[in-house]
N, C-alpha and C. Protein backbone atom coordinates (compact mmCIF):
# COMPACT_ATOMS: atom_id res chain seq x y z
N MET A 1 -33.14 207.51 39.13
CA MET A 1 -32.63 206.18 39.96
C MET A 1 -31.45 205.95 40.35
N ARG A 2 -30.74 205.85 41.83
CA ARG A 2 -29.53 206.55 42.15
C ARG A 2 -28.65 204.88 42.06
N ILE A 3 -27.61 204.52 41.70
CA ILE A 3 -26.92 203.45 41.15
C ILE A 3 -25.84 203.55 42.25
N ARG A 4 -24.97 203.07 43.14
CA ARG A 4 -24.18 202.66 43.83
C ARG A 4 -23.38 201.88 44.36
N LEU A 5 -22.33 201.57 44.29
CA LEU A 5 -21.64 200.28 45.39
C LEU A 5 -22.45 199.84 46.49
N VAL A 6 -22.55 198.59 46.52
CA VAL A 6 -23.70 198.02 47.80
C VAL A 6 -22.08 198.03 49.33
N LEU A 7 -22.95 198.83 50.12
CA LEU A 7 -22.16 199.42 50.94
C LEU A 7 -22.06 197.70 52.54
N PRO A 8 -21.28 198.08 53.06
CA PRO A 8 -20.71 197.25 54.01
C PRO A 8 -22.29 196.92 55.21
N GLY A 9 -22.71 195.51 55.33
CA GLY A 9 -23.74 195.55 55.85
C GLY A 9 -24.95 194.94 55.41
N GLU A 10 -24.97 195.12 53.63
CA GLU A 10 -26.28 195.22 52.53
C GLU A 10 -25.89 193.98 51.86
N PRO A 11 -25.28 192.78 52.32
CA PRO A 11 -25.61 191.82 51.36
C PRO A 11 -26.65 190.99 51.71
N ALA A 12 -26.85 191.35 52.96
CA ALA A 12 -28.24 190.96 53.80
C ALA A 12 -29.20 191.37 52.78
N VAL A 13 -29.54 192.56 52.23
CA VAL A 13 -31.06 192.95 52.17
C VAL A 13 -30.80 192.74 50.79
N LEU A 14 -29.53 192.79 49.90
CA LEU A 14 -29.32 191.43 48.12
C LEU A 14 -30.34 190.93 48.26
N GLN A 15 -29.59 189.43 49.52
CA GLN A 15 -30.50 188.17 49.66
C GLN A 15 -32.14 188.39 49.88
N GLU A 16 -32.70 189.41 50.76
CA GLU A 16 -33.83 189.99 50.66
C GLU A 16 -34.29 190.30 49.09
N ILE A 17 -33.59 190.67 48.48
CA ILE A 17 -33.90 191.13 47.09
C ILE A 17 -34.20 190.31 46.57
N GLU A 18 -33.49 189.07 46.26
CA GLU A 18 -33.12 188.27 45.60
C GLU A 18 -34.19 187.26 45.91
N ARG A 19 -34.72 187.16 47.24
CA ARG A 19 -35.64 185.96 47.09
C ARG A 19 -37.47 186.38 46.92
N ALA A 20 -36.66 187.78 47.44
CA ALA A 20 -38.99 188.67 46.61
C ALA A 20 -38.54 188.14 45.16
N ALA A 21 -37.61 188.22 44.50
CA ALA A 21 -37.86 188.79 42.85
C ALA A 21 -38.18 187.13 42.51
N GLY A 22 -37.28 185.92 43.48
CA GLY A 22 -37.50 184.89 43.05
C GLY A 22 -38.74 184.14 43.12
N ALA A 23 -39.50 184.58 43.42
CA ALA A 23 -41.02 184.26 44.16
C ALA A 23 -41.68 184.11 42.77
N ALA A 24 -41.21 185.06 41.32
CA ALA A 24 -42.00 184.88 39.94
C ALA A 24 -41.88 183.94 39.62
N PHE A 25 -40.74 183.05 40.18
CA PHE A 25 -40.93 181.73 38.70
C PHE A 25 -41.53 181.23 39.52
N ARG A 26 -42.31 180.81 40.70
CA ARG A 26 -43.05 179.73 41.11
C ARG A 26 -44.72 179.90 40.43
N GLU A 27 -44.52 181.18 39.57
CA GLU A 27 -46.15 181.69 38.96
C GLU A 27 -45.98 180.74 37.45
N ILE A 28 -44.72 180.77 37.40
CA ILE A 28 -44.18 180.01 35.60
C ILE A 28 -44.19 178.23 35.71
N GLY A 29 -44.31 177.64 36.81
CA GLY A 29 -43.93 176.45 36.98
C GLY A 29 -42.46 176.12 37.03
N MET A 30 -41.67 176.94 37.74
CA MET A 30 -39.97 177.07 38.24
C MET A 30 -40.04 177.12 39.24
N ALA A 31 -40.69 176.27 40.28
CA ALA A 31 -40.99 176.60 41.76
C ALA A 31 -39.13 176.09 42.20
N GLU A 32 -38.68 175.31 41.32
CA GLU A 32 -36.79 175.08 42.04
C GLU A 32 -36.28 176.19 42.22
N ILE A 33 -36.72 177.15 41.45
CA ILE A 33 -35.85 178.56 40.91
C ILE A 33 -36.53 179.33 42.00
N ALA A 34 -37.38 179.20 42.29
CA ALA A 34 -38.13 180.45 43.52
C ALA A 34 -37.83 179.71 44.90
N ASP A 35 -37.57 178.38 45.26
CA ASP A 35 -37.23 178.14 45.97
C ASP A 35 -35.25 178.56 46.35
N ALA A 36 -35.07 178.23 44.92
CA ALA A 36 -33.32 178.28 45.29
C ALA A 36 -32.88 179.26 46.59
N GLU A 37 -31.45 179.62 47.55
CA GLU A 37 -31.19 180.13 48.46
C GLU A 37 -30.41 181.18 47.48
N PRO A 38 -30.53 182.13 48.23
CA PRO A 38 -29.78 182.95 47.40
C PRO A 38 -28.42 183.24 47.57
N PRO A 39 -27.05 184.01 46.50
CA PRO A 39 -25.71 183.78 46.49
C PRO A 39 -25.87 183.56 48.23
N ALA A 40 -25.33 183.62 49.18
CA ALA A 40 -24.27 183.58 50.50
C ALA A 40 -23.74 184.59 50.44
N LEU A 41 -24.23 185.09 52.24
CA LEU A 41 -23.67 185.95 52.32
C LEU A 41 -21.87 186.32 52.42
N THR A 42 -21.51 185.40 51.99
CA THR A 42 -19.49 185.40 52.07
C THR A 42 -19.00 186.21 50.14
N VAL A 43 -20.28 185.29 49.43
CA VAL A 43 -19.99 185.91 48.18
C VAL A 43 -20.39 186.61 48.13
N LEU A 44 -21.84 187.67 48.27
CA LEU A 44 -21.90 188.55 47.74
C LEU A 44 -21.01 190.20 48.82
N GLU A 45 -20.49 189.10 49.94
CA GLU A 45 -19.59 189.82 50.65
C GLU A 45 -18.18 190.47 49.33
N GLU A 46 -17.59 188.59 48.75
CA GLU A 46 -16.62 189.38 47.85
C GLU A 46 -16.69 190.28 47.01
N TYR A 47 -18.10 189.82 46.36
CA TYR A 47 -17.84 191.12 45.08
C TYR A 47 -18.31 192.57 45.82
N ARG A 48 -19.30 192.56 46.59
CA ARG A 48 -18.61 194.30 46.99
C ARG A 48 -17.45 194.70 47.94
N ARG A 49 -16.70 194.50 48.08
CA ARG A 49 -14.86 194.35 48.61
C ARG A 49 -13.99 193.99 47.02
N ALA A 50 -14.72 193.68 46.25
CA ALA A 50 -14.05 194.01 44.79
C ALA A 50 -14.23 194.95 43.87
N GLY A 51 -15.74 195.84 44.36
CA GLY A 51 -15.79 196.67 43.67
C GLY A 51 -16.43 196.13 42.77
N ARG A 52 -17.62 195.21 42.74
CA ARG A 52 -18.36 194.68 41.28
C ARG A 52 -19.48 194.01 42.16
N ALA A 53 -20.24 194.98 42.90
CA ALA A 53 -21.44 194.70 43.44
C ALA A 53 -22.15 196.16 43.43
N TRP A 54 -23.49 196.54 42.75
CA TRP A 54 -24.07 198.18 43.21
C TRP A 54 -25.49 197.61 42.95
N ALA A 55 -25.89 198.54 43.50
CA ALA A 55 -27.53 198.71 43.97
C ALA A 55 -27.96 199.40 43.25
N GLY A 56 -29.20 199.55 43.07
CA GLY A 56 -30.03 200.18 42.50
C GLY A 56 -31.06 200.71 43.70
N CYS A 57 -31.26 202.53 44.16
CA CYS A 57 -31.41 202.82 45.38
C CYS A 57 -32.82 203.11 45.26
N ASP A 58 -33.86 203.35 46.56
CA ASP A 58 -34.69 204.23 46.08
C ASP A 58 -34.45 205.19 46.69
N GLY A 59 -35.64 206.51 46.71
CA GLY A 59 -35.49 207.80 46.81
C GLY A 59 -34.92 207.15 48.72
N GLY A 60 -34.71 206.84 50.17
CA GLY A 60 -34.49 207.06 51.08
C GLY A 60 -32.75 206.34 50.74
N ASP A 61 -32.35 205.92 49.95
CA ASP A 61 -31.50 204.76 49.51
C ASP A 61 -30.81 203.19 50.13
N ARG A 62 -32.04 202.84 49.80
CA ARG A 62 -32.68 202.04 50.55
C ARG A 62 -32.06 200.82 48.76
N PRO A 63 -31.11 199.85 48.98
CA PRO A 63 -31.35 199.10 48.00
C PRO A 63 -32.61 198.40 47.58
N VAL A 64 -33.12 198.02 46.26
CA VAL A 64 -34.37 197.98 45.75
C VAL A 64 -34.06 196.73 44.36
N GLY A 65 -32.84 196.59 44.10
CA GLY A 65 -32.49 196.03 42.62
C GLY A 65 -30.46 195.95 43.22
N TYR A 66 -30.06 195.05 42.98
CA TYR A 66 -28.63 194.66 42.59
C TYR A 66 -28.06 193.94 41.33
N LEU A 67 -26.86 194.32 41.36
CA LEU A 67 -25.88 193.87 40.21
C LEU A 67 -24.87 193.34 40.61
N VAL A 68 -24.51 191.96 40.31
CA VAL A 68 -23.33 191.19 41.02
C VAL A 68 -22.52 190.79 39.36
N ALA A 69 -20.86 190.97 39.14
CA ALA A 69 -20.54 190.31 38.03
C ALA A 69 -19.20 191.13 38.19
N GLU A 70 -18.27 189.65 37.31
CA GLU A 70 -17.27 189.51 37.49
C GLU A 70 -16.74 189.81 35.68
N PRO A 71 -14.80 190.00 35.27
CA PRO A 71 -14.70 190.02 34.30
C PRO A 71 -14.26 188.39 34.21
N VAL A 72 -15.21 188.06 32.99
CA VAL A 72 -14.49 186.73 32.15
C VAL A 72 -14.66 187.06 30.91
N ASP A 73 -12.90 186.83 30.73
CA ASP A 73 -12.67 186.36 29.04
C ASP A 73 -12.88 187.74 28.79
N GLY A 74 -12.50 188.42 28.85
CA GLY A 74 -12.71 189.86 28.59
C GLY A 74 -13.52 190.79 28.73
N ALA A 75 -14.18 189.87 29.54
CA ALA A 75 -15.86 191.25 28.76
C ALA A 75 -16.03 191.27 30.73
N LEU A 76 -17.09 192.09 30.84
CA LEU A 76 -18.50 192.08 32.56
C LEU A 76 -19.13 190.83 32.88
N HIS A 77 -18.63 190.12 33.29
CA HIS A 77 -20.18 189.04 33.15
C HIS A 77 -20.93 188.86 34.72
N VAL A 78 -21.66 189.67 34.33
CA VAL A 78 -23.54 189.31 35.03
C VAL A 78 -23.57 188.41 35.85
N GLU A 79 -23.64 187.72 36.84
CA GLU A 79 -23.47 186.83 37.64
C GLU A 79 -24.73 186.89 38.34
N GLN A 80 -25.60 187.94 38.26
CA GLN A 80 -26.80 188.35 38.87
C GLN A 80 -26.73 189.71 39.33
N VAL A 81 -28.50 189.78 38.39
CA VAL A 81 -29.21 190.83 38.16
C VAL A 81 -30.60 190.20 38.72
N SER A 82 -30.90 191.10 40.06
CA SER A 82 -32.51 191.19 40.41
C SER A 82 -33.17 192.23 40.89
N VAL A 83 -34.00 192.71 41.10
CA VAL A 83 -34.87 193.93 41.66
C VAL A 83 -35.67 193.01 42.40
N HIS A 84 -36.47 193.64 43.21
CA HIS A 84 -37.42 193.08 44.49
C HIS A 84 -38.69 193.86 43.16
N PRO A 85 -39.80 192.90 43.13
CA PRO A 85 -40.86 193.21 42.42
C PRO A 85 -41.63 194.29 43.29
N GLY A 86 -41.64 195.13 44.42
CA GLY A 86 -42.19 196.26 44.72
C GLY A 86 -41.53 197.60 43.32
N ALA A 87 -40.35 197.24 43.32
CA ALA A 87 -39.61 198.16 42.24
C ALA A 87 -39.68 197.76 40.68
N ALA A 88 -40.51 196.34 40.25
CA ALA A 88 -40.06 196.21 39.02
C ALA A 88 -40.99 197.07 37.77
N ARG A 89 -40.55 197.26 36.82
CA ARG A 89 -41.18 198.28 35.98
C ARG A 89 -41.00 199.77 35.96
N ARG A 90 -39.70 200.02 36.69
CA ARG A 90 -39.21 201.45 37.12
C ARG A 90 -37.87 201.75 36.25
N GLY A 91 -36.92 200.47 35.81
CA GLY A 91 -36.38 200.97 35.03
C GLY A 91 -35.27 200.35 35.78
N VAL A 92 -35.10 200.21 36.87
CA VAL A 92 -33.92 199.60 37.79
C VAL A 92 -33.00 198.48 37.91
N GLY A 93 -33.43 197.44 37.03
CA GLY A 93 -32.56 196.86 35.90
C GLY A 93 -31.95 197.29 34.65
N ARG A 94 -32.32 197.87 34.29
CA ARG A 94 -31.49 199.01 33.11
C ARG A 94 -30.58 199.25 33.57
N ALA A 95 -30.85 200.34 34.84
CA ALA A 95 -29.86 201.15 35.24
C ALA A 95 -29.29 200.77 35.44
N LEU A 96 -29.09 199.20 36.09
CA LEU A 96 -27.85 198.57 36.86
C LEU A 96 -27.13 197.80 35.60
N LEU A 97 -27.90 197.14 34.62
CA LEU A 97 -26.64 196.89 33.69
C LEU A 97 -26.29 198.22 32.50
N ALA A 98 -27.14 199.14 32.46
CA ALA A 98 -26.18 200.32 31.82
C ALA A 98 -25.00 201.24 33.04
N HIS A 99 -24.75 200.87 34.40
CA HIS A 99 -23.69 200.89 35.37
C HIS A 99 -22.86 199.51 34.42
N ALA A 100 -23.01 198.68 34.62
CA ALA A 100 -22.55 197.60 34.11
C ALA A 100 -21.83 197.99 33.09
N GLY A 101 -22.21 198.02 32.33
CA GLY A 101 -21.74 198.43 31.26
C GLY A 101 -20.82 199.59 31.25
N GLU A 102 -21.03 200.62 31.37
CA GLU A 102 -20.49 201.88 32.15
C GLU A 102 -18.97 201.67 32.75
N HIS A 103 -19.45 200.74 33.36
CA HIS A 103 -18.03 200.35 34.05
C HIS A 103 -16.90 199.45 33.89
N ALA A 104 -17.18 198.40 32.70
CA ALA A 104 -17.32 197.42 31.66
C ALA A 104 -16.31 198.23 30.83
N ARG A 105 -16.64 199.95 30.64
CA ARG A 105 -15.78 200.38 29.57
C ARG A 105 -15.02 201.31 30.61
N GLU A 106 -14.75 201.55 31.58
CA GLU A 106 -13.70 202.06 32.67
C GLU A 106 -12.98 201.29 32.52
N GLU A 107 -13.04 200.08 32.47
CA GLU A 107 -12.69 199.07 32.97
C GLU A 107 -11.73 198.48 31.86
N GLY A 108 -11.78 198.80 30.84
CA GLY A 108 -11.41 198.27 29.57
C GLY A 108 -11.55 197.06 29.15
N LEU A 109 -13.07 196.97 29.37
CA LEU A 109 -13.77 195.17 29.16
C LEU A 109 -14.50 195.35 27.48
N ASN A 110 -14.22 194.38 27.40
CA ASN A 110 -15.45 194.62 25.57
C ASN A 110 -16.73 194.61 25.57
N GLY A 111 -17.21 194.10 26.68
CA GLY A 111 -18.56 193.89 27.13
C GLY A 111 -18.81 193.35 28.10
N LEU A 112 -20.46 193.09 28.09
CA LEU A 112 -20.90 192.76 29.09
C LEU A 112 -21.21 191.37 28.29
N THR A 113 -21.64 190.34 29.34
CA THR A 113 -22.01 188.77 29.11
C THR A 113 -22.97 188.56 30.52
N LEU A 114 -23.91 187.76 29.94
CA LEU A 114 -24.77 186.89 31.44
C LEU A 114 -24.95 185.30 30.80
N THR A 115 -25.59 184.69 31.64
CA THR A 115 -26.70 183.15 31.30
C THR A 115 -28.01 183.61 31.67
N THR A 116 -28.98 183.30 30.88
CA THR A 116 -30.12 182.93 31.37
C THR A 116 -30.93 182.74 30.39
N PHE A 117 -32.41 182.07 31.09
CA PHE A 117 -33.57 181.33 30.51
C PHE A 117 -34.01 182.55 29.46
N THR A 118 -34.21 181.19 28.67
CA THR A 118 -34.45 181.39 27.51
C THR A 118 -36.34 181.57 27.61
N ARG A 119 -36.90 181.50 27.89
CA ARG A 119 -38.54 181.73 28.33
C ARG A 119 -38.95 181.93 29.27
N VAL A 120 -38.48 182.84 29.73
CA VAL A 120 -38.95 183.98 30.96
C VAL A 120 -38.69 184.91 30.31
N PRO A 121 -40.25 185.50 30.36
CA PRO A 121 -40.00 186.84 29.70
C PRO A 121 -38.93 187.66 30.10
N TRP A 122 -39.21 187.83 31.90
CA TRP A 122 -38.22 188.97 31.96
C TRP A 122 -37.03 188.24 32.03
N ASN A 123 -36.06 187.09 31.70
CA ASN A 123 -34.81 186.91 31.15
C ASN A 123 -34.63 187.60 29.58
N ALA A 124 -33.99 186.40 28.90
CA ALA A 124 -33.53 186.93 27.63
C ALA A 124 -34.44 186.95 27.09
N PRO A 125 -35.97 187.37 26.64
CA PRO A 125 -36.35 188.89 26.21
C PRO A 125 -36.33 190.09 26.70
N TYR A 126 -36.53 190.30 27.51
CA TYR A 126 -35.89 191.30 28.53
C TYR A 126 -34.45 191.50 28.16
N TYR A 127 -33.50 190.70 28.07
CA TYR A 127 -32.37 191.41 27.79
C TYR A 127 -31.93 191.69 26.27
N GLY A 128 -33.02 190.75 25.36
CA GLY A 128 -33.00 191.59 23.92
C GLY A 128 -33.22 192.63 23.81
N ARG A 129 -34.39 192.67 24.14
CA ARG A 129 -34.67 194.20 24.11
C ARG A 129 -33.97 195.54 24.65
N LEU A 130 -32.74 195.34 25.65
CA LEU A 130 -32.51 195.83 25.56
C LEU A 130 -30.36 195.84 25.01
N GLY A 131 -30.67 195.25 23.70
CA GLY A 131 -29.38 195.10 22.79
C GLY A 131 -28.41 193.66 22.79
N PHE A 132 -28.70 192.84 24.34
CA PHE A 132 -28.28 191.44 24.39
C PHE A 132 -28.85 190.67 23.00
N HIS A 133 -27.70 189.92 22.39
CA HIS A 133 -27.90 188.87 21.57
C HIS A 133 -27.08 188.00 22.02
N VAL A 134 -28.56 186.65 21.67
CA VAL A 134 -27.15 185.28 22.48
C VAL A 134 -26.20 185.01 21.85
N VAL A 135 -25.49 184.28 22.46
CA VAL A 135 -24.21 183.65 21.88
C VAL A 135 -24.22 182.09 21.40
N PRO A 136 -23.98 181.62 20.14
CA PRO A 136 -24.15 180.46 19.61
C PRO A 136 -23.07 179.88 20.70
N VAL A 137 -23.26 178.44 20.94
CA VAL A 137 -22.58 177.94 21.77
C VAL A 137 -21.40 177.42 21.42
N ASP A 138 -21.14 177.78 20.05
CA ASP A 138 -20.12 176.89 18.48
C ASP A 138 -18.85 178.09 19.67
N ARG A 139 -19.19 179.51 19.74
CA ARG A 139 -18.62 180.54 20.03
C ARG A 139 -18.68 180.77 21.31
N LEU A 140 -18.86 179.92 22.27
CA LEU A 140 -18.56 180.23 23.90
C LEU A 140 -17.02 180.40 24.07
N THR A 141 -16.94 181.07 25.33
CA THR A 141 -15.17 181.89 25.62
C THR A 141 -15.24 180.41 26.22
N PRO A 142 -13.60 179.93 26.79
CA PRO A 142 -13.57 179.41 27.54
C PRO A 142 -14.31 179.61 29.16
N GLY A 143 -14.15 180.35 29.48
CA GLY A 143 -14.91 181.22 30.90
C GLY A 143 -16.22 180.76 30.34
N LEU A 144 -16.89 181.09 29.87
CA LEU A 144 -18.63 180.88 29.21
C LEU A 144 -18.76 179.85 29.68
N ARG A 145 -18.19 178.75 28.87
CA ARG A 145 -17.95 177.55 29.07
C ARG A 145 -18.33 176.91 29.99
N ALA A 146 -16.66 177.72 31.53
CA ALA A 146 -16.79 176.93 32.88
C ALA A 146 -18.35 177.54 33.44
N ILE A 147 -19.01 178.37 33.07
CA ILE A 147 -19.98 178.96 34.10
C ILE A 147 -21.49 178.23 33.60
N ARG A 148 -21.41 177.85 31.99
CA ARG A 148 -22.87 176.96 31.49
C ARG A 148 -22.39 175.66 31.71
N ALA A 149 -21.33 175.07 32.20
CA ALA A 149 -21.18 174.10 32.76
C ALA A 149 -21.51 173.80 34.54
N ARG A 150 -20.97 174.97 35.42
CA ARG A 150 -21.33 174.69 36.22
C ARG A 150 -22.85 174.87 36.70
N GLU A 151 -22.92 175.51 35.91
CA GLU A 151 -25.12 175.73 36.10
C GLU A 151 -25.68 174.34 35.88
N ALA A 152 -24.99 173.32 34.65
CA ALA A 152 -25.60 172.30 34.03
C ALA A 152 -25.51 171.32 35.76
N ASP A 153 -24.38 171.53 36.38
CA ASP A 153 -23.74 171.10 37.36
C ASP A 153 -25.17 171.37 38.17
N LEU A 154 -25.87 172.34 38.07
CA LEU A 154 -26.64 173.08 39.29
C LEU A 154 -28.22 172.36 38.89
N GLY A 155 -28.03 172.09 37.77
CA GLY A 155 -29.12 171.45 37.07
C GLY A 155 -30.30 172.68 37.01
N LEU A 156 -29.51 173.96 36.34
CA LEU A 156 -30.41 174.87 35.64
C LEU A 156 -30.42 174.51 34.42
N ASP A 157 -30.00 173.40 33.88
CA ASP A 157 -30.48 173.16 32.21
C ASP A 157 -31.75 172.29 32.18
N ARG A 158 -32.37 172.41 33.14
CA ARG A 158 -33.86 171.66 33.14
C ARG A 158 -34.48 172.81 31.99
N TRP A 159 -34.17 173.31 32.13
CA TRP A 159 -35.08 174.84 31.47
C TRP A 159 -34.32 175.15 30.67
N PRO A 160 -34.26 175.59 29.34
CA PRO A 160 -33.40 176.02 28.19
C PRO A 160 -32.87 177.65 28.76
N ARG A 161 -31.60 177.22 28.75
CA ARG A 161 -30.34 178.49 28.84
C ARG A 161 -29.97 179.24 27.52
N VAL A 162 -29.11 180.41 27.93
CA VAL A 162 -27.98 180.45 26.68
C VAL A 162 -27.19 182.30 27.76
N CYS A 163 -26.41 181.92 26.96
CA CYS A 163 -25.48 182.83 27.33
C CYS A 163 -26.06 183.65 26.27
N MET A 164 -25.42 185.77 26.90
CA MET A 164 -26.08 186.39 25.43
C MET A 164 -24.44 187.62 26.39
N ARG A 165 -24.42 188.55 25.02
CA ARG A 165 -23.90 189.27 25.41
C ARG A 165 -23.86 191.06 24.39
N ARG A 166 -23.62 192.02 25.10
CA ARG A 166 -23.96 193.03 24.83
C ARG A 166 -22.60 193.82 24.28
């Protein structure tokens, strides 16, 4: 699996990946998540220009998964990681997270954080298998509290969510 920085012009491909990956939420009763718009092109471009948008690519160097992240309170916070269903269960997500972890170490950050749904098999249970642990609410950093508040404002707390760290 080749992991590389997202190239100019590829944010639209990332949106396609996000839409395709999101469809699985419909099958578990989370149609609102399935129907949610992916991050805006301008947002994805900001991550790309900052050097914090990575693509997992197929043999033809076409992105089949992506991860965007930003430093939050001394850790690299994974804002989004998505894999196209046609490339699922091939280690793309695992490779992207490993790459982000290496990037965090190189930047002197103390780990990876993310927020996720607790009852979605490819969310919190998956991250737990990859070494992430739930951060208790009373131990959230100010930045993570702000992220969770923003998510609540967006209505994501309709389904149980947690912060996790590795």
